[in-house]
Each structure stands twice: as C-alpha cells, then as structure tokens.
Amino acid sequence: MITRVPLIRWAGSKRQLLPRLLPKLPAHFGTYIEPFSGSACLFFSVNPAKAILSDRNSDLIESYRTITRHPIRVLRLARGMDKTESEYYRVRAQNPQCLSPINRAVRFLYLNRHCFNALYRTNGSGEFNVPIGRKTGGFPDEATFRHSAETLGRAELYCCDFEETLKRAEKGDFVYLDPPYVSRKGADKNVYGCGSFTATDLPRLLQQLEVLHSKKVHFLLSYSHSFELINLLSKKPRAITKVRRLISGKVSGRGFVNEVLLNNMDIFGDAGRA
C-alpha cells in the first residue's frame, strides 16, 4: 500500500503530534482548511476529500502548485543534483525569479531537503539564507511522491494572509491552525519568511476563532504554551502536551517544550457543532 507523506520538510512540523491531533478532529466535517500549511502533515494524514491549503510563503505555495502538475519531473531533477556543499550554495545563490516555474520548484525542493533543520529563513531582502544541513535524509520514492502530489492536487492552494483564508470557511467545515510560535521578547528573524505570523497577530487570530465558532465551524489550534497566548484566553487551557524542540542550533536548546491543542470546546465551552 502506498502511503501519503509530506512532500517537504518544515520547521515546526506536527508529525510527532499526529497521534494527539487526530482524536481531536470532529468525526464529520465538510472542507478541511489549513491557513498555515507548511508541510501540511495533518492534511496528508487525514486525506480529506475537499481541502483548502494556504500560506503567506509564496515560494512554498508556488512550488506546491508546480509539483502537483509535474511531480516526477521535479523530483528527479532535484534528486539528481549533487549533495555537495559547493552545489548547495550555488543553488542557494540563484535568483529564483530568473528560473522557470519547474526549476524554481526544483530549487525549492532541493534546498528544503538539504538545508539545516528544514528552516525557511530569509534576509531583509527576502533571500533564502539557511546554511546546509547534515544528515537530512533522502527524498521519498517516486511512487510515494506521486501519490502525495495527487493528494495535494485535490486541494485549493492560496498564497495569502490567514484571515483571508478563514473567510472561506463555512458551517460544518474544519480548520486546523498551526501558526509559527513566536514571542514578543524575541525579534522576528524571518524564520518562516518575510511577513510571516508574529506575536502581534495573536489577538487577530483569536478574534477569527470567535468568528469561526459563531459560524459553527470546527477548529483546532496548535500553539506554544506561552504568556503571549495564555494572557489572551478567558480560561487556562487544559490540553497541554510536551513536544521535543528540534529547531535550535544548540543541542542544549532541543529539550521538551509545552504546547496547547485547543478546539471549540477548550476555548468557548462547546464543540461548535453544525
């Protein structure tokens, strides 16, 4: 049996949390919606019949669109490139705007596979600047990659702000929100690209959860158990789980951290059933 796996690596991926996320999904829902898609690992695990995926990262969404049209061509070209340090930095130095859509997707897939800790970080000019990684693993085999690309091809893909995506949610739909975990104490280092979600967006996000709940839309929010979030909630969350942090460049910074998984019941006291 061919499995569905994420097509890319992504910092903050929820693959290790899937056993805890899946039981919190409603038994039945209409459209699956994910406005911070990243690697979309929950989407691939759920395999919904109808889905909307979006992200502010235009390189990610454009690459997804190209991969759904030319999965094996993109995979073979990326897999056929040298894994050397010199090749990595040569590819990283390319201006993606000077490449064809297929070659942009190849570049994105290659850098994503071989960069440090699956980070997507840019400098002030919007240029990808993550160094090469070590022990990053290989690409999925062709059958698995094609199968996952076909699954992705059933989803509507948008590059936009999360609020724009949430306007598409209707009664009975399910929304999974996994925004970047950020803090007011730390500077925005463009870890997910320029213009990505920051702590100042949290109030706006919670306002949108109220709108979703009033429309009887099911939702599930993953976020760090942080002061920035807890201070905005009317009641303290009980669904706290420990997750190993893998992004830090220092081994000492890769311990366990607390995260919360919040659905309609956790925030508003009822399930928001349609």
C-alpha atoms as a PDB file:
ATOM      1  CA  MET A   1       0.000   0.000   0.000  1.00  0.00           C
ATOM      2  CA  ILE A   2       1.390   3.413  -0.982  1.00  0.00           C
ATOM      3  CA  THR A   3       1.363   5.889   1.864  1.00  0.00           C
ATOM      4  CA  ARG A   4       0.857   9.645   1.787  1.00  0.00           C
ATOM      5  CA  VAL A   5       3.687  11.675   3.268  1.00  0.00           C
ATOM      6  CA  PRO A   6       4.515  15.390   3.327  1.00  0.00           C
ATOM      7  CA  LEU A   7       6.362  16.410   0.173  1.00  0.00           C
ATOM      8  CA  ILE A   8       8.717  18.707   2.050  1.00  0.00           C
ATOM      9  CA  ARG A   9      10.420  19.114   5.413  1.00  0.00           C
ATOM     10  CA  TRP A  10       9.282  22.058   7.529  1.00  0.00           C
ATOM     11  CA  ALA A  11      10.354  23.571  10.829  1.00  0.00           C
ATOM     12  CA  GLY A  12       7.633  23.012  13.415  1.00  0.00           C
ATOM     13  CA  SER A  13       6.088  20.079  11.572  1.00  0.00           C
ATOM     14  CA  LYS A  14       3.479  18.245  13.639  1.00  0.00           C
ATOM     15  CA  ARG A  15       4.330  14.704  12.529  1.00  0.00           C
ATOM     16  CA  GLN A  16       5.234  13.658  16.077  1.00  0.00           C
ATOM     17  CA  LEU A  17       1.934  15.117  17.340  1.00  0.00           C
ATOM     18  CA  LEU A  18      -0.353  13.326  14.896  1.00  0.00           C
ATOM     19  CA  PRO A  19      -1.479  10.687  17.441  1.00  0.00           C
ATOM     20  CA  ARG A  20      -2.691  13.549  19.675  1.00  0.00           C
ATOM     21  CA  LEU A  21      -4.104  15.738  16.928  1.00  0.00           C
ATOM     22  CA  LEU A  22      -6.225  13.152  15.126  1.00  0.00           C
ATOM     23  CA  PRO A  23      -8.502  12.298  18.106  1.00  0.00           C
ATOM     24  CA  LYS A  24      -9.390  15.993  18.454  1.00  0.00           C
ATOM     25  CA  LEU A  25     -10.776  16.242  14.922  1.00  0.00           C
ATOM     26  CA  PRO A  26     -14.573  16.135  14.524  1.00  0.00           C
ATOM     27  CA  ALA A  27     -15.979  12.829  13.313  1.00  0.00           C
ATOM     28  CA  HIS A  28     -17.533  14.515  10.271  1.00  0.00           C
ATOM     29  CA  PHE A  29     -16.799  17.803   8.557  1.00  0.00           C
ATOM     30  CA  GLY A  30     -17.075  19.482   5.182  1.00  0.00           C
ATOM     31  CA  THR A  31     -13.967  21.176   3.816  1.00  0.00           C
ATOM     32  CA  TYR A  32     -10.602  20.760   5.529  1.00  0.00           C
ATOM     33  CA  ILE A  33      -8.900  24.176   5.801  1.00  0.00           C
ATOM     34  CA  GLU A  34      -5.299  24.879   6.855  1.00  0.00           C
ATOM     35  CA  PRO A  35      -4.144  28.526   6.659  1.00  0.00           C
ATOM     36  CA  PHE A  36      -0.561  27.890   7.889  1.00  0.00           C
ATOM     37  CA  SER A  37       0.072  24.864   5.738  1.00  0.00           C
ATOM     38  CA  GLY A  38       3.866  24.375   5.843  1.00  0.00           C
ATOM     39  CA  SER A  39       4.433  20.671   5.236  1.00  0.00           C
ATOM     40  CA  ALA A  40       0.690  20.018   5.782  1.00  0.00           C
ATOM     41  CA  CYS A  41       1.389  16.733   7.559  1.00  0.00           C
ATOM     42  CA  LEU A  42      -2.070  16.610   9.182  1.00  0.00           C
ATOM     43  CA  PHE A  43      -3.685  17.172   5.786  1.00  0.00           C
ATOM     44  CA  PHE A  44      -1.801  14.217   4.301  1.00  0.00           C
ATOM     45  CA  SER A  45      -2.705  12.043   7.278  1.00  0.00           C
ATOM     46  CA  VAL A  46      -6.417  12.938   7.144  1.00  0.00           C
ATOM     47  CA  ASN A  47      -6.586  12.766   3.326  1.00  0.00           C
ATOM     48  CA  PRO A  48      -9.794  14.830   3.089  1.00  0.00           C
ATOM     49  CA  ALA A  49     -11.977  14.730   0.003  1.00  0.00           C
ATOM     50  CA  LYS A  50     -12.075  18.529  -0.141  1.00  0.00           C
ATOM     51  CA  ALA A  51      -9.452  20.931   1.200  1.00  0.00           C
ATOM     52  CA  ILE A  52      -8.117  24.479   1.168  1.00  0.00           C
ATOM     53  CA  LEU A  53      -4.428  24.996   1.976  1.00  0.00           C
ATOM     54  CA  SER A  54      -2.752  28.375   2.186  1.00  0.00           C
ATOM     55  CA  ASP A  55       0.356  30.110   3.450  1.00  0.00           C
ATOM     56  CA  ARG A  56       1.985  33.544   3.268  1.00  0.00           C
ATOM     57  CA  ASN A  57       5.119  31.910   1.844  1.00  0.00           C
ATOM     58  CA  SER A  58       4.790  32.377  -1.920  1.00  0.00           C
ATOM     59  CA  ASP A  59       7.771  30.105  -2.685  1.00  0.00           C
ATOM     60  CA  LEU A  60       6.078  27.267  -0.810  1.00  0.00           C
ATOM     61  CA  ILE A  61       2.683  27.645  -2.481  1.00  0.00           C
ATOM     62  CA  GLU A  62       4.127  28.157  -5.964  1.00  0.00           C
ATOM     63  CA  SER A  63       6.280  25.051  -5.540  1.00  0.00           C
ATOM     64  CA  TYR A  64       3.272  23.046  -4.380  1.00  0.00           C
ATOM     65  CA  ARG A  65       1.314  24.122  -7.457  1.00  0.00           C
ATOM     66  CA  THR A  66       4.146  23.125  -9.791  1.00  0.00           C
ATOM     67  CA  ILE A  67       4.717  19.800  -8.034  1.00  0.00           C
ATOM     68  CA  THR A  68       1.049  18.841  -8.425  1.00  0.00           C
ATOM     69  CA  ARG A  69       1.430  19.328 -12.194  1.00  0.00           C
ATOM     70  CA  HIS A  70       4.903  17.810 -12.676  1.00  0.00           C
ATOM     71  CA  PRO A  71       5.674  15.664  -9.603  1.00  0.00           C
ATOM     72  CA  ILE A  72       8.103  13.148 -11.065  1.00  0.00           C
ATOM     73  CA  ARG A  73       9.959  15.640 -13.239  1.00  0.00           C
ATOM     74  CA  VAL A  74      10.546  17.953 -10.274  1.00  0.00           C
ATOM     75  CA  LEU A  75      11.549  15.064  -8.013  1.00  0.00           C
ATOM     76  CA  ARG A  76      14.003  13.543 -10.495  1.00  0.00           C
ATOM     77  CA  LEU A  77      15.677  16.868 -11.225  1.00  0.00           C
ATOM     78  CA  ALA A  78      16.070  17.687  -7.521  1.00  0.00           C
ATOM     79  CA  ARG A  79      17.216  14.180  -6.650  1.00  0.00           C
ATOM     80  CA  GLY A  80      19.749  14.188  -9.486  1.00  0.00           C
ATOM     81  CA  MET A  81      21.622  17.230  -8.173  1.00  0.00           C
ATOM     82  CA  ASP A  82      24.850  16.838  -6.209  1.00  0.00           C
ATOM     83  CA  LYS A  83      24.594  16.870  -2.428  1.00  0.00           C
ATOM     84  CA  THR A  84      27.892  18.684  -2.036  1.00  0.00           C
ATOM     85  CA  GLU A  85      28.339  21.878  -0.077  1.00  0.00           C
ATOM     86  CA  SER A  86      29.504  23.775  -3.159  1.00  0.00           C
ATOM     87  CA  GLU A  87      26.418  22.717  -5.106  1.00  0.00           C
ATOM     88  CA  TYR A  88      24.109  23.650  -2.255  1.00  0.00           C
ATOM     89  CA  TYR A  89      25.458  27.192  -2.053  1.00  0.00           C
ATOM     90  CA  ARG A  90      25.496  27.537  -5.833  1.00  0.00           C
ATOM     91  CA  VAL A  91      21.792  26.672  -5.945  1.00  0.00           C
ATOM     92  CA  ARG A  92      21.020  28.872  -2.956  1.00  0.00           C
ATOM     93  CA  ALA A  93      22.679  31.842  -4.700  1.00  0.00           C
ATOM     94  CA  GLN A  94      20.396  31.530  -7.733  1.00  0.00           C
ATOM     95  CA  ASN A  95      17.762  34.199  -8.239  1.00  0.00           C
ATOM     96  CA  PRO A  96      14.507  32.200  -8.389  1.00  0.00           C
ATOM     97  CA  GLN A  97      12.843  34.950 -10.446  1.00  0.00           C
ATOM     98  CA  CYS A  98      15.248  34.126 -13.274  1.00  0.00           C
ATOM     99  CA  LEU A  99      14.197  30.461 -13.316  1.00  0.00           C
ATOM    100  CA  SER A 100      11.269  28.695 -14.950  1.00  0.00           C
ATOM    101  CA  PRO A 101       8.425  27.548 -12.669  1.00  0.00           C
ATOM    102  CA  ILE A 102       9.707  23.965 -12.781  1.00  0.00           C
ATOM    103  CA  ASN A 103      13.271  24.975 -11.958  1.00  0.00           C
ATOM    104  CA  ARG A 104      12.033  27.204  -9.130  1.00  0.00           C
ATOM    105  CA  ALA A 105      10.209  24.211  -7.672  1.00  0.00           C
ATOM    106  CA  VAL A 106      13.309  22.049  -8.131  1.00  0.00           C
ATOM    107  CA  ARG A 107      15.436  24.648  -6.345  1.00  0.00           C
ATOM    108  CA  PHE A 108      12.915  24.932  -3.508  1.00  0.00           C
ATOM    109  CA  LEU A 109      12.678  21.148  -3.089  1.00  0.00           C
ATOM    110  CA  TYR A 110      16.467  20.674  -3.212  1.00  0.00           C
ATOM    111  CA  LEU A 111      17.219  23.436  -0.690  1.00  0.00           C
ATOM    112  CA  ASN A 112      14.395  22.289   1.571  1.00  0.00           C
ATOM    113  CA  ARG A 113      15.727  18.748   1.616  1.00  0.00           C
ATOM    114  CA  HIS A 114      19.360  19.687   2.308  1.00  0.00           C
ATOM    115  CA  CYS A 115      19.129  22.828   4.458  1.00  0.00           C
ATOM    116  CA  PHE A 116      19.651  22.979   8.223  1.00  0.00           C
ATOM    117  CA  ASN A 117      16.684  21.671  10.234  1.00  0.00           C
ATOM    118  CA  ALA A 118      14.144  22.313   7.455  1.00  0.00           C
ATOM    119  CA  LEU A 119      14.192  26.039   8.188  1.00  0.00           C
ATOM    120  CA  TYR A 120      12.827  28.581   5.761  1.00  0.00           C
ATOM    121  CA  ARG A 121      14.538  31.816   6.729  1.00  0.00           C
ATOM    122  CA  THR A 122      15.205  34.893   4.635  1.00  0.00           C
ATOM    123  CA  ASN A 123      17.271  38.021   4.990  1.00  0.00           C
ATOM    124  CA  GLY A 124      15.915  41.572   4.804  1.00  0.00           C
ATOM    125  CA  SER A 125      15.893  41.350   1.014  1.00  0.00           C
ATOM    126  CA  GLY A 126      13.776  38.211   1.069  1.00  0.00           C
ATOM    127  CA  GLU A 127      16.662  35.946   0.011  1.00  0.00           C
ATOM    128  CA  PHE A 128      16.804  32.418   1.404  1.00  0.00           C
ATOM    129  CA  ASN A 129      19.859  32.240   3.671  1.00  0.00           C
ATOM    130  CA  VAL A 130      19.718  28.954   5.604  1.00  0.00           C
ATOM    131  CA  PRO A 131      23.045  27.060   5.695  1.00  0.00           C
ATOM    132  CA  ILE A 132      23.458  23.492   4.537  1.00  0.00           C
ATOM    133  CA  GLY A 133      22.383  20.810   6.982  1.00  0.00           C
ATOM    134  CA  ARG A 134      23.775  17.422   7.930  1.00  0.00           C
ATOM    135  CA  LYS A 135      22.002  14.043   7.997  1.00  0.00           C
ATOM    136  CA  THR A 136      18.934  15.451   6.270  1.00  0.00           C
ATOM    137  CA  GLY A 137      17.807  12.168   4.721  1.00  0.00           C
ATOM    138  CA  GLY A 138      16.701  11.376   1.193  1.00  0.00           C
ATOM    139  CA  PHE A 139      13.663  12.163  -0.903  1.00  0.00           C
ATOM    140  CA  PRO A 140      10.539   9.980  -0.863  1.00  0.00           C
ATOM    141  CA  ASP A 141      10.468   7.296  -3.554  1.00  0.00           C
ATOM    142  CA  GLU A 142       8.722   8.156  -6.813  1.00  0.00           C
ATOM    143  CA  ALA A 143       5.516   6.203  -6.144  1.00  0.00           C
ATOM    144  CA  THR A 144       5.052   7.811  -2.733  1.00  0.00           C
ATOM    145  CA  PHE A 145       5.913  11.276  -4.036  1.00  0.00           C
ATOM    146  CA  ARG A 146       3.459  10.953  -6.934  1.00  0.00           C
ATOM    147  CA  HIS A 147       0.715   9.671  -4.636  1.00  0.00           C
ATOM    148  CA  SER A 148       1.209  12.564  -2.216  1.00  0.00           C
ATOM    149  CA  ALA A 149       1.286  15.053  -5.098  1.00  0.00           C
ATOM    150  CA  GLU A 150      -2.022  13.674  -6.365  1.00  0.00           C
ATOM    151  CA  THR A 151      -3.491  14.099  -2.881  1.00  0.00           C
ATOM    152  CA  LEU A 152      -2.216  17.677  -2.770  1.00  0.00           C
ATOM    153  CA  GLY A 153      -3.674  18.281  -6.220  1.00  0.00           C
ATOM    154  CA  ARG A 154      -7.190  17.837  -4.823  1.00  0.00           C
ATOM    155  CA  ALA A 155      -6.741  20.876  -2.566  1.00  0.00           C
ATOM    156  CA  GLU A 156      -7.244  24.524  -3.448  1.00  0.00           C
ATOM    157  CA  LEU A 157      -3.946  26.357  -2.900  1.00  0.00           C
ATOM    158  CA  TYR A 158      -3.692  30.034  -1.991  1.00  0.00           C
ATOM    159  CA  CYS A 159      -0.894  32.404  -1.033  1.00  0.00           C
ATOM    160  CA  CYS A 160      -2.497  34.877   1.359  1.00  0.00           C
ATOM    161  CA  ASP A 161      -2.921  36.021   4.946  1.00  0.00           C
ATOM    162  CA  PHE A 162      -4.666  33.571   7.271  1.00  0.00           C
ATOM    163  CA  GLU A 163      -7.634  35.896   7.747  1.00  0.00           C
ATOM    164  CA  GLU A 164      -8.342  35.856   4.021  1.00  0.00           C
ATOM    165  CA  THR A 165      -8.316  32.054   4.056  1.00  0.00           C
ATOM    166  CA  LEU A 166     -10.627  31.830   7.065  1.00  0.00           C
ATOM    167  CA  LYS A 167     -13.264  33.870   5.235  1.00  0.00           C
ATOM    168  CA  ARG A 168     -13.767  30.796   3.033  1.00  0.00           C
ATOM    169  CA  ALA A 169     -14.809  28.598   5.977  1.00  0.00           C
ATOM    170  CA  GLU A 170     -18.467  27.628   6.106  1.00  0.00           C
ATOM    171  CA  LYS A 171     -20.743  25.908   8.603  1.00  0.00           C
ATOM    172  CA  GLY A 172     -19.565  22.358   9.278  1.00  0.00           C
ATOM    173  CA  ASP A 173     -16.024  22.838   7.899  1.00  0.00           C
ATOM    174  CA  PHE A 174     -12.891  22.043   9.902  1.00  0.00           C
ATOM    175  CA  VAL A 175      -9.955  24.457  10.285  1.00  0.00           C
ATOM    176  CA  TYR A 176      -6.539  23.443  11.601  1.00  0.00           C
ATOM    177  CA  LEU A 177      -4.343  26.360  12.656  1.00  0.00           C
ATOM    178  CA  ASP A 178      -0.651  25.875  13.377  1.00  0.00           C
ATOM    179  CA  PRO A 179       0.896  29.365  13.209  1.00  0.00           C
ATOM    180  CA  PRO A 180       4.613  29.952  13.863  1.00  0.00           C
ATOM    181  CA  TYR A 181       5.451  30.065  17.554  1.00  0.00           C
ATOM    182  CA  VAL A 182       6.889  33.485  18.293  1.00  0.00           C
ATOM    183  CA  SER A 183       7.431  35.728  21.284  1.00  0.00           C
ATOM    184  CA  ARG A 184       7.310  39.465  21.865  1.00  0.00           C
ATOM    185  CA  LYS A 185      10.662  39.125  23.635  1.00  0.00           C
ATOM    186  CA  GLY A 186      12.442  37.902  20.515  1.00  0.00           C
ATOM    187  CA  ALA A 187      12.990  39.708  17.241  1.00  0.00           C
ATOM    188  CA  ASP A 188      11.321  38.455  14.084  1.00  0.00           C
ATOM    189  CA  LYS A 189      14.180  36.629  12.385  1.00  0.00           C
ATOM    190  CA  ASN A 190      12.166  35.712   9.286  1.00  0.00           C
ATOM    191  CA  VAL A 191      12.323  32.034  10.243  1.00  0.00           C
ATOM    192  CA  TYR A 192       9.268  31.348   8.063  1.00  0.00           C
ATOM    193  CA  GLY A 193       9.952  34.077   5.511  1.00  0.00           C
ATOM    194  CA  CYS A 194       9.410  37.815   5.466  1.00  0.00           C
ATOM    195  CA  GLY A 195       5.974  38.918   6.631  1.00  0.00           C
ATOM    196  CA  SER A 196       5.132  35.684   8.426  1.00  0.00           C
ATOM    197  CA  PHE A 197       2.975  35.397  11.548  1.00  0.00           C
ATOM    198  CA  THR A 198       4.227  37.239  14.665  1.00  0.00           C
ATOM    199  CA  ALA A 199       3.069  37.601  18.269  1.00  0.00           C
ATOM    200  CA  THR A 200       1.249  40.819  17.359  1.00  0.00           C
ATOM    201  CA  ASP A 201      -1.050  38.740  15.132  1.00  0.00           C
ATOM    202  CA  LEU A 202      -2.321  36.620  18.051  1.00  0.00           C
ATOM    203  CA  PRO A 203      -5.221  38.923  19.022  1.00  0.00           C
ATOM    204  CA  ARG A 204      -6.362  38.984  15.410  1.00  0.00           C
ATOM    205  CA  LEU A 205      -6.145  35.189  15.262  1.00  0.00           C
ATOM    206  CA  LEU A 206      -8.267  34.756  18.389  1.00  0.00           C
ATOM    207  CA  GLN A 207     -10.844  37.188  17.008  1.00  0.00           C
ATOM    208  CA  GLN A 208     -11.075  34.995  13.933  1.00  0.00           C
ATOM    209  CA  LEU A 209     -11.621  31.931  16.129  1.00  0.00           C
ATOM    210  CA  GLU A 210     -14.653  33.710  17.593  1.00  0.00           C
ATOM    211  CA  VAL A 211     -15.949  34.308  14.073  1.00  0.00           C
ATOM    212  CA  LEU A 212     -15.401  30.665  13.134  1.00  0.00           C
ATOM    213  CA  HIS A 213     -17.194  29.475  16.256  1.00  0.00           C
ATOM    214  CA  SER A 214     -20.159  31.778  15.607  1.00  0.00           C
ATOM    215  CA  LYS A 215     -20.388  30.284  12.090  1.00  0.00           C
ATOM    216  CA  LYS A 216     -20.383  26.759  13.606  1.00  0.00           C
ATOM    217  CA  VAL A 217     -17.027  25.918  12.056  1.00  0.00           C
ATOM    218  CA  HIS A 218     -14.930  23.318  13.871  1.00  0.00           C
ATOM    219  CA  PHE A 219     -11.356  24.358  14.592  1.00  0.00           C
ATOM    220  CA  LEU A 220      -8.179  23.095  16.267  1.00  0.00           C
ATOM    221  CA  LEU A 221      -5.328  25.419  17.236  1.00  0.00           C
ATOM    222  CA  SER A 222      -1.756  24.289  17.980  1.00  0.00           C
ATOM    223  CA  TYR A 223       0.453  26.802  19.752  1.00  0.00           C
ATOM    224  CA  SER A 224       3.168  27.117  22.353  1.00  0.00           C
ATOM    225  CA  HIS A 225       2.051  27.304  25.972  1.00  0.00           C
ATOM    226  CA  SER A 226       3.267  30.878  26.133  1.00  0.00           C
ATOM    227  CA  PHE A 227       2.361  34.005  28.076  1.00  0.00           C
ATOM    228  CA  GLU A 228       1.514  35.750  24.794  1.00  0.00           C
ATOM    229  CA  LEU A 229      -1.309  33.265  24.136  1.00  0.00           C
ATOM    230  CA  ILE A 230      -2.435  32.374  27.663  1.00  0.00           C
ATOM    231  CA  ASN A 231      -2.824  36.037  28.585  1.00  0.00           C
ATOM    232  CA  LEU A 232      -5.398  36.441  25.807  1.00  0.00           C
ATOM    233  CA  LEU A 233      -7.553  33.442  26.725  1.00  0.00           C
ATOM    234  CA  SER A 234     -10.534  33.747  29.071  1.00  0.00           C
ATOM    235  CA  LYS A 235      -9.675  30.434  30.753  1.00  0.00           C
ATOM    236  CA  LYS A 236      -6.479  28.466  31.178  1.00  0.00           C
ATOM    237  CA  PRO A 237      -6.071  25.625  28.670  1.00  0.00           C
ATOM    238  CA  ARG A 238      -6.027  22.053  29.948  1.00  0.00           C
ATOM    239  CA  ALA A 239      -4.892  20.304  26.760  1.00  0.00           C
ATOM    240  CA  ILE A 240      -1.155  20.735  27.349  1.00  0.00           C
ATOM    241  CA  THR A 241       1.355  18.387  25.756  1.00  0.00           C
ATOM    242  CA  LYS A 242       5.144  18.140  25.705  1.00  0.00           C
ATOM    243  CA  VAL A 243       6.922  18.217  22.360  1.00  0.00           C
ATOM    244  CA  ARG A 244      10.620  17.866  21.639  1.00  0.00           C
ATOM    245  CA  ARG A 245      12.055  21.051  20.169  1.00  0.00           C
ATOM    246  CA  LEU A 246      14.413  20.308  17.269  1.00  0.00           C
ATOM    247  CA  ILE A 247      14.999  23.684  15.618  1.00  0.00           C
ATOM    248  CA  SER A 248      17.700  25.102  17.885  1.00  0.00           C
ATOM    249  CA  GLY A 249      21.242  25.068  16.532  1.00  0.00           C
ATOM    250  CA  LYS A 250      22.497  24.124  20.003  1.00  0.00           C
ATOM    251  CA  VAL A 251      21.874  20.668  21.452  1.00  0.00           C
ATOM    252  CA  SER A 252      21.086  22.290  24.804  1.00  0.00           C
ATOM    253  CA  GLY A 253      18.173  24.105  23.177  1.00  0.00           C
ATOM    254  CA  ARG A 254      16.483  20.944  21.898  1.00  0.00           C
ATOM    255  CA  GLY A 255      14.620  19.851  25.012  1.00  0.00           C
ATOM    256  CA  PHE A 256      10.901  19.415  25.548  1.00  0.00           C
ATOM    257  CA  VAL A 257       8.528  22.383  25.433  1.00  0.00           C
ATOM    258  CA  ASN A 258       4.860  22.704  26.352  1.00  0.00           C
ATOM    259  CA  GLU A 259       2.268  23.176  23.635  1.00  0.00           C
ATOM    260  CA  VAL A 260      -1.501  23.531  23.755  1.00  0.00           C
ATOM    261  CA  LEU A 261      -4.094  21.937  21.485  1.00  0.00           C
ATOM    262  CA  LEU A 262      -7.292  23.981  21.617  1.00  0.00           C
ATOM    263  CA  ASN A 263     -10.599  23.293  19.885  1.00  0.00           C
ATOM    264  CA  ASN A 264     -14.006  24.975  20.146  1.00  0.00           C
ATOM    265  CA  MET A 265     -14.764  23.241  23.441  1.00  0.00           C
ATOM    266  CA  ASP A 266     -11.464  24.245  25.032  1.00  0.00           C
ATOM    267  CA  ILE A 267     -11.898  27.960  24.279  1.00  0.00           C
ATOM    268  CA  PHE A 268     -15.652  28.535  24.135  1.00  0.00           C
ATOM    269  CA  GLY A 269     -17.063  25.710  26.211  1.00  0.00           C
ATOM    270  CA  ASP A 270     -18.932  23.862  23.471  1.00  0.00           C
ATOM    271  CA  ALA A 271     -17.950  21.952  20.377  1.00  0.00           C
ATOM    272  CA  GLY A 272     -19.370  24.356  17.814  1.00  0.00           C
ATOM    273  CA  ARG A 273     -21.319  21.569  16.194  1.00  0.00           C
ATOM    274  CA  ALA A 274     -23.121  22.340  12.994  1.00  0.00           C
END
